[in-house]
N, C-alpha and C. Protein backbone atom coordinates (compact mmCIF):
# COMPACT_ATOMS: atom_id res chain seq x y z
N MET A 1 -10.14 1.08 -12.47
CA MET A 1 -9.08 2.05 -11.50
C MET A 1 -9.56 1.26 -10.20
N VAL A 2 -8.32 1.84 -9.62
CA VAL A 2 -8.19 0.77 -8.31
C VAL A 2 -8.43 2.36 -7.40
N LYS A 3 -8.54 1.20 -6.19
CA LYS A 3 -8.77 2.90 -5.32
C LYS A 3 -7.75 2.25 -3.99
N ILE A 4 -6.73 3.48 -3.56
CA ILE A 4 -5.61 2.37 -2.79
C ILE A 4 -5.92 4.20 -1.91
N SER A 5 -5.71 3.22 -0.46
CA SER A 5 -6.36 4.35 0.93
C SER A 5 -5.10 3.26 2.13
N PHE A 6 -5.03 4.49 2.75
CA PHE A 6 -4.37 4.09 4.83
C PHE A 6 -4.88 4.26 5.32
N THR A 7 -4.17 3.89 6.25
CA THR A 7 -5.22 3.49 7.47
C THR A 7 -5.11 5.31 8.45
N PRO A 8 -5.21 5.12 8.50
CA PRO A 8 -5.39 6.96 9.46
C PRO A 8 -4.01 7.26 10.36
N ASN A 9 -3.97 6.09 11.04
CA ASN A 9 -2.97 6.17 12.03
C ASN A 9 -1.24 6.66 11.67
N LEU A 10 -1.34 6.25 10.06
CA LEU A 10 0.09 7.04 9.53
C LEU A 10 -0.27 8.07 9.67
N ALA A 11 -1.41 8.87 9.31
CA ALA A 11 -1.45 10.20 9.21
C ALA A 11 -0.26 10.76 9.88
N ARG A 12 -0.53 10.49 11.73
CA ARG A 12 0.45 10.50 12.20
C ARG A 12 1.95 11.19 11.62
N HIS A 13 2.96 10.87 10.87
CA HIS A 13 3.57 10.74 10.27
C HIS A 13 4.06 10.81 9.41
N VAL A 14 3.02 11.50 8.61
CA VAL A 14 3.03 11.29 6.93
C VAL A 14 1.75 11.71 6.16
N THR A 15 1.70 12.30 5.08
CA THR A 15 0.36 13.04 4.67
C THR A 15 0.11 11.93 3.36
N ALA A 16 -0.81 11.11 4.00
CA ALA A 16 -0.74 9.39 2.35
C ALA A 16 -2.72 9.89 1.80
N PRO A 17 -2.75 10.58 1.15
CA PRO A 17 -3.97 10.67 0.85
C PRO A 17 -4.32 9.36 0.00
N ALA A 18 -6.01 9.22 -0.25
CA ALA A 18 -6.78 8.04 -0.78
C ALA A 18 -6.56 8.44 -2.36
N ALA A 19 -6.76 7.85 -3.24
CA ALA A 19 -6.40 8.19 -4.72
C ALA A 19 -6.32 7.04 -5.97
N GLN A 20 -6.91 7.27 -6.95
CA GLN A 20 -8.10 6.76 -7.59
C GLN A 20 -6.45 6.05 -8.87
N LEU A 21 -5.92 5.21 -8.99
CA LEU A 21 -5.46 4.47 -9.55
C LEU A 21 -5.13 3.27 -10.72
N SER A 22 -4.51 3.07 -12.03
CA SER A 22 -4.33 2.35 -12.09
C SER A 22 -3.59 1.26 -12.19
N GLY A 23 -3.57 0.29 -12.71
CA GLY A 23 -2.30 -0.72 -12.23
C GLY A 23 -3.08 -2.61 -12.82
N GLU A 24 -1.93 -3.54 -12.84
CA GLU A 24 -2.63 -4.49 -12.62
C GLU A 24 -2.36 -5.98 -11.87
N THR A 25 -0.47 -4.61 -11.13
CA THR A 25 -0.56 -5.40 -9.91
C THR A 25 -0.37 -4.46 -8.39
N VAL A 26 -0.13 -5.15 -7.65
CA VAL A 26 0.03 -4.45 -6.11
C VAL A 26 1.62 -3.20 -6.79
N GLN A 27 2.14 -3.52 -6.88
CA GLN A 27 3.46 -3.56 -7.76
C GLN A 27 3.27 -1.61 -7.93
N GLN A 28 2.24 -1.95 -9.35
CA GLN A 28 2.25 -1.08 -10.48
C GLN A 28 1.51 -0.28 -9.71
N VAL A 29 0.67 -0.04 -9.59
CA VAL A 29 -0.32 0.93 -8.19
C VAL A 29 0.56 1.53 -7.48
N LEU A 30 1.16 0.62 -6.47
CA LEU A 30 1.91 1.50 -5.38
C LEU A 30 2.84 2.15 -6.31
N ASP A 31 3.55 1.96 -7.44
CA ASP A 31 4.65 2.42 -7.72
C ASP A 31 4.27 3.75 -8.55
N ASP A 32 3.12 3.91 -9.20
CA ASP A 32 1.90 5.02 -8.92
C ASP A 32 1.82 6.04 -8.10
N TYR A 33 1.84 5.19 -6.97
CA TYR A 33 1.70 6.29 -6.13
C TYR A 33 2.12 6.63 -5.36
N PHE A 34 3.74 6.09 -5.45
CA PHE A 34 4.90 6.69 -5.02
C PHE A 34 5.47 8.01 -5.48
N ARG A 35 4.77 7.25 -7.20
CA ARG A 35 5.61 8.84 -8.23
C ARG A 35 4.88 9.92 -7.61
N LEU A 36 3.11 9.52 -7.22
CA LEU A 36 2.59 11.02 -6.37
C LEU A 36 2.65 11.79 -5.73
N ASN A 37 3.10 10.95 -4.25
CA ASN A 37 3.62 10.64 -2.95
C ASN A 37 4.64 10.15 -2.43
N PRO A 38 5.84 10.81 -3.46
CA PRO A 38 6.61 9.93 -2.58
C PRO A 38 7.47 10.21 -1.61
N GLN A 39 6.87 10.40 -0.18
CA GLN A 39 6.91 10.74 0.94
C GLN A 39 6.72 9.56 1.98
N VAL A 40 5.77 8.71 1.31
CA VAL A 40 5.53 7.60 2.10
C VAL A 40 6.14 6.59 2.06
N ARG A 41 6.29 6.92 0.40
CA ARG A 41 7.42 5.16 0.46
C ARG A 41 8.19 4.54 1.61
N ALA A 42 8.70 5.66 2.41
CA ALA A 42 9.42 4.64 2.73
C ALA A 42 9.04 3.69 4.33
N TYR A 43 7.45 4.55 4.80
CA TYR A 43 6.47 4.09 5.63
C TYR A 43 6.06 2.82 5.54
N ILE A 44 5.65 2.51 3.92
CA ILE A 44 5.39 1.56 3.23
C ILE A 44 6.75 0.24 3.12
N LEU A 45 7.80 0.30 2.38
CA LEU A 45 8.52 -0.54 1.90
C LEU A 45 9.92 0.30 2.74
N ASP A 46 10.30 -0.96 2.53
CA ASP A 46 12.17 -1.50 2.74
C ASP A 46 12.89 -0.79 1.76
N ASP A 47 14.50 -0.47 2.07
CA ASP A 47 15.09 -0.51 1.00
C ASP A 47 15.21 -1.18 0.45
N GLN A 48 14.76 -2.26 0.05
CA GLN A 48 14.46 -3.60 -0.67
C GLN A 48 13.30 -3.66 -1.90
N GLY A 49 12.36 -2.81 -1.49
CA GLY A 49 11.03 -2.69 -1.43
C GLY A 49 9.59 -3.54 -1.54
N ALA A 50 10.44 -3.80 -0.40
CA ALA A 50 9.09 -5.78 -0.08
C ALA A 50 8.37 -4.50 0.99
N LEU A 51 8.10 -5.34 1.08
CA LEU A 51 7.12 -4.09 2.57
C LEU A 51 7.12 -4.22 4.05
N ARG A 52 7.49 -3.22 4.70
CA ARG A 52 7.70 -3.69 5.83
C ARG A 52 7.48 -4.47 7.07
N ASP A 53 8.34 -4.88 7.98
CA ASP A 53 7.53 -6.23 8.78
C ASP A 53 6.11 -5.96 9.68
N LYS A 54 5.97 -4.76 9.55
CA LYS A 54 5.14 -4.46 10.62
C LYS A 54 3.82 -3.06 9.66
N VAL A 55 3.84 -3.55 8.03
CA VAL A 55 2.59 -3.82 7.05
C VAL A 55 1.93 -4.39 6.25
N LEU A 56 0.87 -4.62 6.74
CA LEU A 56 0.01 -5.28 5.87
C LEU A 56 -0.25 -5.41 5.02
N ILE A 57 -1.34 -5.59 3.41
CA ILE A 57 -1.86 -4.44 1.97
C ILE A 57 -2.69 -5.71 2.31
N PHE A 58 -3.62 -4.78 2.40
CA PHE A 58 -5.60 -5.62 2.38
C PHE A 58 -5.89 -5.50 0.38
N LEU A 59 -5.55 -6.21 -0.54
CA LEU A 59 -6.89 -6.55 -1.61
C LEU A 59 -7.94 -6.61 -1.38
N ASP A 60 -8.88 -6.14 -1.97
CA ASP A 60 -9.98 -6.49 -1.52
C ASP A 60 -10.81 -7.07 -0.54
N GLN A 61 -10.00 -7.10 1.15
CA GLN A 61 -10.61 -6.98 2.18
C GLN A 61 -9.49 -8.59 2.16
N GLU A 62 -8.56 -8.66 1.73
CA GLU A 62 -7.75 -9.87 1.94
C GLU A 62 -6.37 -9.85 1.31
N ILE A 63 -5.54 -10.33 2.83
CA ILE A 63 -4.69 -9.51 3.00
C ILE A 63 -3.89 -10.30 2.08
N ILE A 64 -2.69 -9.41 0.22
CA ILE A 64 -1.93 -10.16 -0.55
C ILE A 64 -0.81 -11.28 -0.02
N GLN A 65 -0.35 -12.08 -1.36
CA GLN A 65 0.21 -13.04 -0.76
C GLN A 65 2.07 -12.77 -1.01
N ASP A 66 1.76 -12.01 -2.34
CA ASP A 66 3.03 -11.22 -2.33
C ASP A 66 3.55 -10.40 -1.23
N ARG A 67 4.49 -10.77 -0.01
CA ARG A 67 5.18 -8.65 0.41
C ARG A 67 6.16 -8.78 0.07
N ILE A 68 7.23 -9.23 -0.82
CA ILE A 68 7.99 -9.60 -1.26
C ILE A 68 8.56 -8.49 -2.59
N GLY A 69 7.61 -9.09 -3.60
CA GLY A 69 7.58 -8.80 -5.33
C GLY A 69 6.38 -8.18 -5.35
N LEU A 70 5.30 -8.49 -4.52
CA LEU A 70 4.22 -7.24 -4.41
C LEU A 70 3.34 -7.78 -5.63
N SER A 71 3.48 -9.04 -6.65
CA SER A 71 3.06 -9.03 -7.90
C SER A 71 1.35 -9.78 -7.80
N ASP A 72 0.61 -9.73 -6.35
CA ASP A 72 -0.66 -10.03 -7.01
C ASP A 72 -1.55 -9.38 -8.28
N MET A 73 -2.36 -9.69 -8.53
CA MET A 73 -2.81 -9.82 -9.31
C MET A 73 -4.44 -8.52 -9.08
N ILE A 74 -4.70 -7.59 -9.71
CA ILE A 74 -5.32 -6.67 -9.54
C ILE A 74 -6.32 -6.61 -10.37
N GLY A 75 -7.98 -6.83 -10.44
CA GLY A 75 -9.52 -6.98 -10.93
C GLY A 75 -9.76 -5.25 -11.03
N ASN A 76 -10.44 -5.19 -12.43
CA ASN A 76 -10.85 -4.32 -12.43
C ASN A 76 -11.62 -4.09 -11.71
N ALA A 77 -11.77 -2.44 -10.66
CA ALA A 77 -12.57 -1.79 -9.49
C ALA A 77 -12.05 -2.56 -8.62
N ALA A 78 -10.45 -2.70 -8.45
CA ALA A 78 -10.66 -3.30 -6.95
C ALA A 78 -10.17 -2.12 -6.18
N GLU A 79 -10.37 -3.11 -4.17
CA GLU A 79 -9.67 -1.47 -3.53
C GLU A 79 -8.18 -2.63 -2.36
N ILE A 80 -7.06 -1.01 -2.86
CA ILE A 80 -6.23 -1.59 -1.90
C ILE A 80 -5.49 -0.88 -0.66
N PHE A 81 -6.37 -1.74 0.32
CA PHE A 81 -6.17 -0.29 2.12
C PHE A 81 -4.75 -0.54 2.56
N VAL A 82 -3.83 0.00 3.07
CA VAL A 82 -2.71 -0.66 3.80
C VAL A 82 -2.20 -0.14 4.51
N VAL A 83 -2.25 -1.36 6.12
CA VAL A 83 -2.37 -0.38 6.83
C VAL A 83 -1.21 -0.82 7.61
N GLN A 84 -0.90 -0.40 9.30
CA GLN A 84 0.39 -0.30 9.65
C GLN A 84 -0.07 -0.48 11.11
N ALA A 85 0.85 -1.52 11.72
CA ALA A 85 0.23 -2.60 12.75
C ALA A 85 1.39 -1.39 13.95
N LEU A 86 -0.36 -1.09 14.66
CA LEU A 86 -0.02 -0.32 16.12
C LEU A 86 1.14 -1.19 16.94
N SER A 87 1.65 -1.31 17.70
CA SER A 87 2.46 -1.81 18.82
C SER A 87 2.80 -0.61 20.22
N GLY A 88 3.25 -0.98 21.34
CA GLY A 88 3.50 -0.47 22.66
C GLY A 88 2.52 -0.99 23.92
N GLY A 89 2.35 -0.81 24.43
CA GLY A 89 1.72 -0.93 25.36
C GLY A 89 0.92 0.07 26.12
């Protein structure tokens, strides 16, 4: 199982609870997560399904390589952490 969690600052906009899901790629895990929590998708992905500019995904503490297809492979007991960058002054 893969643990997916989100930065707490996202909670200002939408409820994004952590979850345990299955999948072989980041895309598969996100697809499963968005089926359970469809309101989160628009905050993470753009209209083409790629990561939004201000979003990073860490897979086992490393930034994923494929921001467009989200094809990074996931091992057993992996952790995904989704971070939305903060801006402003």
